[in-house]
Amino acid sequence: REILGDYADYFEIIDCSTNIDECRKYEITGVPTWIINEKKYPGVQSIKQLKELTGC
């Protein structure tokens, strides 16, 4: 949420410390991990990078 700021409402955020099964389902091994159009992007992404990845 800190990374996203005002944009956080546009993303589904899953906390792997409380949603272990959901993170296992998507094979998330590190956080943050972004899943955009069914592709995983591990690590911190800037707002600019997220805009490019999402086509916004």
PDB file of N, CA and C in Angstrom:
ATOM      1  N   ARG A   1       0.820  -1.204   0.000  1.00  0.00           N
ATOM      2  CA  ARG A   1       0.000   0.000   0.000  1.00  0.00           C
ATOM      3  C   ARG A   1       0.859   1.262   0.000  1.00  0.00           C
ATOM      4  N   GLU A   2       2.008   1.208   0.684  1.00  0.00           N
ATOM      5  CA  GLU A   2       2.858   2.396   0.728  1.00  0.00           C
ATOM      6  C   GLU A   2       3.367   2.759  -0.659  1.00  0.00           C
ATOM      7  N   ILE A   3       3.702   1.750  -1.442  1.00  0.00           N
ATOM      8  CA  ILE A   3       4.214   1.977  -2.791  1.00  0.00           C
ATOM      9  C   ILE A   3       3.131   2.612  -3.659  1.00  0.00           C
ATOM     10  N   LEU A   4       1.899   2.134  -3.503  1.00  0.00           N
ATOM     11  CA  LEU A   4       0.807   2.542  -4.385  1.00  0.00           C
ATOM     12  C   LEU A   4       0.171   3.868  -4.006  1.00  0.00           C
ATOM     13  N   GLY A   5       0.213   4.202  -2.737  1.00  0.00           N
ATOM     14  CA  GLY A   5      -0.400   5.453  -2.290  1.00  0.00           C
ATOM     15  C   GLY A   5      -1.867   5.522  -2.672  1.00  0.00           C
ATOM     16  N   ASP A   6      -2.256   6.584  -3.359  1.00  0.00           N
ATOM     17  CA  ASP A   6      -3.651   6.794  -3.762  1.00  0.00           C
ATOM     18  C   ASP A   6      -4.142   5.775  -4.786  1.00  0.00           C
ATOM     19  N   TYR A   7      -3.221   5.046  -5.412  1.00  0.00           N
ATOM     20  CA  TYR A   7      -3.594   4.067  -6.433  1.00  0.00           C
ATOM     21  C   TYR A   7      -3.941   2.698  -5.840  1.00  0.00           C
ATOM     22  N   ALA A   8      -3.784   2.514  -4.541  1.00  0.00           N
ATOM     23  CA  ALA A   8      -3.991   1.213  -3.903  1.00  0.00           C
ATOM     24  C   ALA A   8      -5.381   0.638  -4.154  1.00  0.00           C
ATOM     25  N   ASP A   9      -6.376   1.482  -4.283  1.00  0.00           N
ATOM     26  CA  ASP A   9      -7.745   1.004  -4.497  1.00  0.00           C
ATOM     27  C   ASP A   9      -7.936   0.324  -5.850  1.00  0.00           C
ATOM     28  N   TYR A  10      -7.004   0.518  -6.760  1.00  0.00           N
ATOM     29  CA  TYR A  10      -7.109  -0.080  -8.094  1.00  0.00           C
ATOM     30  C   TYR A  10      -6.511  -1.487  -8.163  1.00  0.00           C
ATOM     31  N   PHE A  11      -5.917  -1.946  -7.070  1.00  0.00           N
ATOM     32  CA  PHE A  11      -5.248  -3.239  -7.031  1.00  0.00           C
ATOM     33  C   PHE A  11      -5.870  -4.140  -5.978  1.00  0.00           C
ATOM     34  N   GLU A  12      -5.845  -5.430  -6.241  1.00  0.00           N
ATOM     35  CA  GLU A  12      -6.200  -6.403  -5.211  1.00  0.00           C
ATOM     36  C   GLU A  12      -4.913  -6.714  -4.464  1.00  0.00           C
ATOM     37  N   ILE A  13      -4.899  -6.453  -3.189  1.00  0.00           N
ATOM     38  CA  ILE A  13      -3.700  -6.643  -2.388  1.00  0.00           C
ATOM     39  C   ILE A  13      -3.913  -7.842  -1.476  1.00  0.00           C
ATOM     40  N   ILE A  14      -2.991  -8.797  -1.564  1.00  0.00           N
ATOM     41  CA  ILE A  14      -3.064 -10.004  -0.744  1.00  0.00           C
ATOM     42  C   ILE A  14      -1.864 -10.014   0.188  1.00  0.00           C
ATOM     43  N   ASP A  15      -2.113 -10.105   1.471  1.00  0.00           N
ATOM     44  CA  ASP A  15      -1.061 -10.170   2.479  1.00  0.00           C
ATOM     45  C   ASP A  15      -0.682 -11.635   2.672  1.00  0.00           C
ATOM     46  N   CYS A  16       0.519 -12.009   2.247  1.00  0.00           N
ATOM     47  CA  CYS A  16       0.940 -13.412   2.314  1.00  0.00           C
ATOM     48  C   CYS A  16       1.145 -13.900   3.747  1.00  0.00           C
ATOM     49  N   SER A  17       1.277 -12.996   4.697  1.00  0.00           N
ATOM     50  CA  SER A  17       1.434 -13.436   6.081  1.00  0.00           C
ATOM     51  C   SER A  17       0.109 -13.919   6.666  1.00  0.00           C
ATOM     52  N   THR A  18      -1.008 -13.497   6.083  1.00  0.00           N
ATOM     53  CA  THR A  18      -2.315 -13.931   6.574  1.00  0.00           C
ATOM     54  C   THR A  18      -3.099 -14.750   5.551  1.00  0.00           C
ATOM     55  N   ASN A  19      -2.647 -14.775   4.307  1.00  0.00           N
ATOM     56  CA  ASN A  19      -3.318 -15.523   3.235  1.00  0.00           C
ATOM     57  C   ASN A  19      -2.346 -16.509   2.585  1.00  0.00           C
ATOM     58  N   ILE A  20      -1.792 -17.385   3.403  1.00  0.00           N
ATOM     59  CA  ILE A  20      -0.751 -18.306   2.948  1.00  0.00           C
ATOM     60  C   ILE A  20      -1.228 -19.173   1.789  1.00  0.00           C
ATOM     61  N   ASP A  21      -2.433 -19.704   1.874  1.00  0.00           N
ATOM     62  CA  ASP A  21      -2.938 -20.576   0.804  1.00  0.00           C
ATOM     63  C   ASP A  21      -3.042 -19.841  -0.529  1.00  0.00           C
ATOM     64  N   GLU A  22      -3.477 -18.604  -0.504  1.00  0.00           N
ATOM     65  CA  GLU A  22      -3.596 -17.808  -1.730  1.00  0.00           C
ATOM     66  C   GLU A  22      -2.215 -17.582  -2.354  1.00  0.00           C
ATOM     67  N   CYS A  23      -1.232 -17.314  -1.531  1.00  0.00           N
ATOM     68  CA  CYS A  23       0.125 -17.088  -2.041  1.00  0.00           C
ATOM     69  C   CYS A  23       0.734 -18.381  -2.577  1.00  0.00           C
ATOM     70  N   ARG A  24       0.455 -19.491  -1.939  1.00  0.00           N
ATOM     71  CA  ARG A  24       0.917 -20.788  -2.456  1.00  0.00           C
ATOM     72  C   ARG A  24       0.261 -21.094  -3.798  1.00  0.00           C
ATOM     73  N   LYS A  25      -1.010 -20.777  -3.921  1.00  0.00           N
ATOM     74  CA  LYS A  25      -1.753 -21.010  -5.167  1.00  0.00           C
ATOM     75  C   LYS A  25      -1.062 -20.335  -6.350  1.00  0.00           C
ATOM     76  N   TYR A  26      -0.573 -19.135  -6.143  1.00  0.00           N
ATOM     77  CA  TYR A  26       0.093 -18.378  -7.205  1.00  0.00           C
ATOM     78  C   TYR A  26       1.614 -18.549  -7.187  1.00  0.00           C
ATOM     79  N   GLU A  27       2.100 -19.443  -6.312  1.00  0.00           N
ATOM     80  CA  GLU A  27       3.534 -19.741  -6.192  1.00  0.00           C
ATOM     81  C   GLU A  27       4.362 -18.480  -5.942  1.00  0.00           C
ATOM     82  N   ILE A  28       3.876 -17.662  -5.038  1.00  0.00           N
ATOM     83  CA  ILE A  28       4.592 -16.447  -4.662  1.00  0.00           C
ATOM     84  C   ILE A  28       5.629 -16.821  -3.614  1.00  0.00           C
ATOM     85  N   THR A  29       6.889 -16.551  -3.927  1.00  0.00           N
ATOM     86  CA  THR A  29       7.978 -16.923  -3.022  1.00  0.00           C
ATOM     87  C   THR A  29       8.638 -15.716  -2.373  1.00  0.00           C
ATOM     88  N   GLY A  30       8.308 -14.531  -2.815  1.00  0.00           N
ATOM     89  CA  GLY A  30       8.854 -13.311  -2.238  1.00  0.00           C
ATOM     90  C   GLY A  30       7.869 -12.177  -2.404  1.00  0.00           C
ATOM     91  N   VAL A  31       8.015 -11.185  -1.545  1.00  0.00           N
ATOM     92  CA  VAL A  31       7.113 -10.043  -1.621  1.00  0.00           C
ATOM     93  C   VAL A  31       7.911  -8.760  -1.727  1.00  0.00           C
ATOM     94  N   PRO A  32       7.419  -7.762  -2.419  1.00  0.00           N
ATOM     95  CA  PRO A  32       6.162  -7.816  -3.154  1.00  0.00           C
ATOM     96  C   PRO A  32       6.302  -8.594  -4.460  1.00  0.00           C
ATOM     97  N   THR A  33       5.213  -9.180  -4.875  1.00  0.00           N
ATOM     98  CA  THR A  33       5.102  -9.805  -6.190  1.00  0.00           C
ATOM     99  C   THR A  33       3.833  -9.266  -6.824  1.00  0.00           C
ATOM    100  N   TRP A  34       3.960  -8.777  -8.024  1.00  0.00           N
ATOM    101  CA  TRP A  34       2.832  -8.217  -8.765  1.00  0.00           C
ATOM    102  C   TRP A  34       2.387  -9.237  -9.790  1.00  0.00           C
ATOM    103  N   ILE A  35       1.092  -9.494  -9.881  1.00  0.00           N
ATOM    104  CA  ILE A  35       0.556 -10.364 -10.924  1.00  0.00           C
ATOM    105  C   ILE A  35      -0.316  -9.486 -11.810  1.00  0.00           C
ATOM    106  N   ILE A  36       0.152  -9.308 -13.037  1.00  0.00           N
ATOM    107  CA  ILE A  36      -0.531  -8.427 -13.982  1.00  0.00           C
ATOM    108  C   ILE A  36      -0.743  -9.213 -15.265  1.00  0.00           C
ATOM    109  N   ASN A  37      -1.999  -9.338 -15.660  1.00  0.00           N
ATOM    110  CA  ASN A  37      -2.348 -10.120 -16.858  1.00  0.00           C
ATOM    111  C   ASN A  37      -1.766 -11.530 -16.791  1.00  0.00           C
ATOM    112  N   GLU A  38      -1.885 -12.135 -15.603  1.00  0.00           N
ATOM    113  CA  GLU A  38      -1.474 -13.514 -15.335  1.00  0.00           C
ATOM    114  C   GLU A  38       0.036 -13.740 -15.408  1.00  0.00           C
ATOM    115  N   LYS A  39       0.833 -12.681 -15.384  1.00  0.00           N
ATOM    116  CA  LYS A  39       2.284 -12.802 -15.365  1.00  0.00           C
ATOM    117  C   LYS A  39       2.804 -12.206 -14.061  1.00  0.00           C
ATOM    118  N   LYS A  40       3.805 -12.874 -13.458  1.00  0.00           N
ATOM    119  CA  LYS A  40       4.364 -12.415 -12.189  1.00  0.00           C
ATOM    120  C   LYS A  40       5.546 -11.475 -12.411  1.00  0.00           C
ATOM    121  N   TYR A  41       5.572 -10.417 -11.606  1.00  0.00           N
ATOM    122  CA  TYR A  41       6.666  -9.457 -11.606  1.00  0.00           C
ATOM    123  C   TYR A  41       7.140  -9.312 -10.159  1.00  0.00           C
ATOM    124  N   PRO A  42       8.233  -9.981  -9.791  1.00  0.00           N
ATOM    125  CA  PRO A  42       8.702  -9.897  -8.405  1.00  0.00           C
ATOM    126  C   PRO A  42       9.442  -8.588  -8.135  1.00  0.00           C
ATOM    127  N   GLY A  43       9.370  -8.164  -6.889  1.00  0.00           N
ATOM    128  CA  GLY A  43      10.130  -6.995  -6.462  1.00  0.00           C
ATOM    129  C   GLY A  43       9.344  -5.702  -6.528  1.00  0.00           C
ATOM    130  N   VAL A  44       9.970  -4.676  -6.003  1.00  0.00           N
ATOM    131  CA  VAL A  44       9.352  -3.353  -5.964  1.00  0.00           C
ATOM    132  C   VAL A  44       9.278  -2.793  -7.384  1.00  0.00           C
ATOM    133  N   GLN A  45       8.132  -2.254  -7.730  1.00  0.00           N
ATOM    134  CA  GLN A  45       7.917  -1.618  -9.032  1.00  0.00           C
ATOM    135  C   GLN A  45       7.486  -0.171  -8.772  1.00  0.00           C
ATOM    136  N   SER A  46       7.981   0.726  -9.567  1.00  0.00           N
ATOM    137  CA  SER A  46       7.572   2.129  -9.424  1.00  0.00           C
ATOM    138  C   SER A  46       6.182   2.316 -10.034  1.00  0.00           C
ATOM    139  N   ILE A  47       5.552   3.419  -9.714  1.00  0.00           N
ATOM    140  CA  ILE A  47       4.248   3.730 -10.314  1.00  0.00           C
ATOM    141  C   ILE A  47       4.387   3.782 -11.832  1.00  0.00           C
ATOM    142  N   LYS A  48       5.478   4.350 -12.318  1.00  0.00           N
ATOM    143  CA  LYS A  48       5.711   4.419 -13.763  1.00  0.00           C
ATOM    144  C   LYS A  48       5.780   3.012 -14.361  1.00  0.00           C
ATOM    145  N   GLN A  49       6.517   2.105 -13.716  1.00  0.00           N
ATOM    146  CA  GLN A  49       6.621   0.732 -14.213  1.00  0.00           C
ATOM    147  C   GLN A  49       5.262   0.040 -14.198  1.00  0.00           C
ATOM    148  N   LEU A  50       4.494   0.238 -13.133  1.00  0.00           N
ATOM    149  CA  LEU A  50       3.176  -0.384 -13.039  1.00  0.00           C
ATOM    150  C   LEU A  50       2.242   0.144 -14.122  1.00  0.00           C
ATOM    151  N   LYS A  51       2.322   1.426 -14.412  1.00  0.00           N
ATOM    152  CA  LYS A  51       1.502   1.998 -15.489  1.00  0.00           C
ATOM    153  C   LYS A  51       1.847   1.355 -16.822  1.00  0.00           C
ATOM    154  N   GLU A  52       3.141   1.159 -17.075  1.00  0.00           N
ATOM    155  CA  GLU A  52       3.567   0.532 -18.324  1.00  0.00           C
ATOM    156  C   GLU A  52       3.099  -0.921 -18.399  1.00  0.00           C
ATOM    157  N   LEU A  53       3.229  -1.650 -17.284  1.00  0.00           N
ATOM    158  CA  LEU A  53       2.839  -3.059 -17.259  1.00  0.00           C
ATOM    159  C   LEU A  53       1.335  -3.250 -17.429  1.00  0.00           C
ATOM    160  N   THR A  54       0.560  -2.309 -16.910  1.00  0.00           N
ATOM    161  CA  THR A  54      -0.899  -2.430 -16.982  1.00  0.00           C
ATOM    162  C   THR A  54      -1.495  -1.746 -18.204  1.00  0.00           C
ATOM    163  N   GLY A  55      -0.692  -0.981 -18.909  1.00  0.00           N
ATOM    164  CA  GLY A  55      -1.192  -0.275 -20.085  1.00  0.00           C
ATOM    165  C   GLY A  55      -1.973   0.982 -19.755  1.00  0.00           C
ATOM    166  N   CYS A  56      -1.782   1.509 -18.561  1.00  0.00           N
ATOM    167  CA  CYS A  56      -2.490   2.738 -18.156  1.00  0.00           C
ATOM    168  C   CYS A  56      -1.747   3.969 -18.589  1.00  0.00           C
TER     169      CYS A  56
END
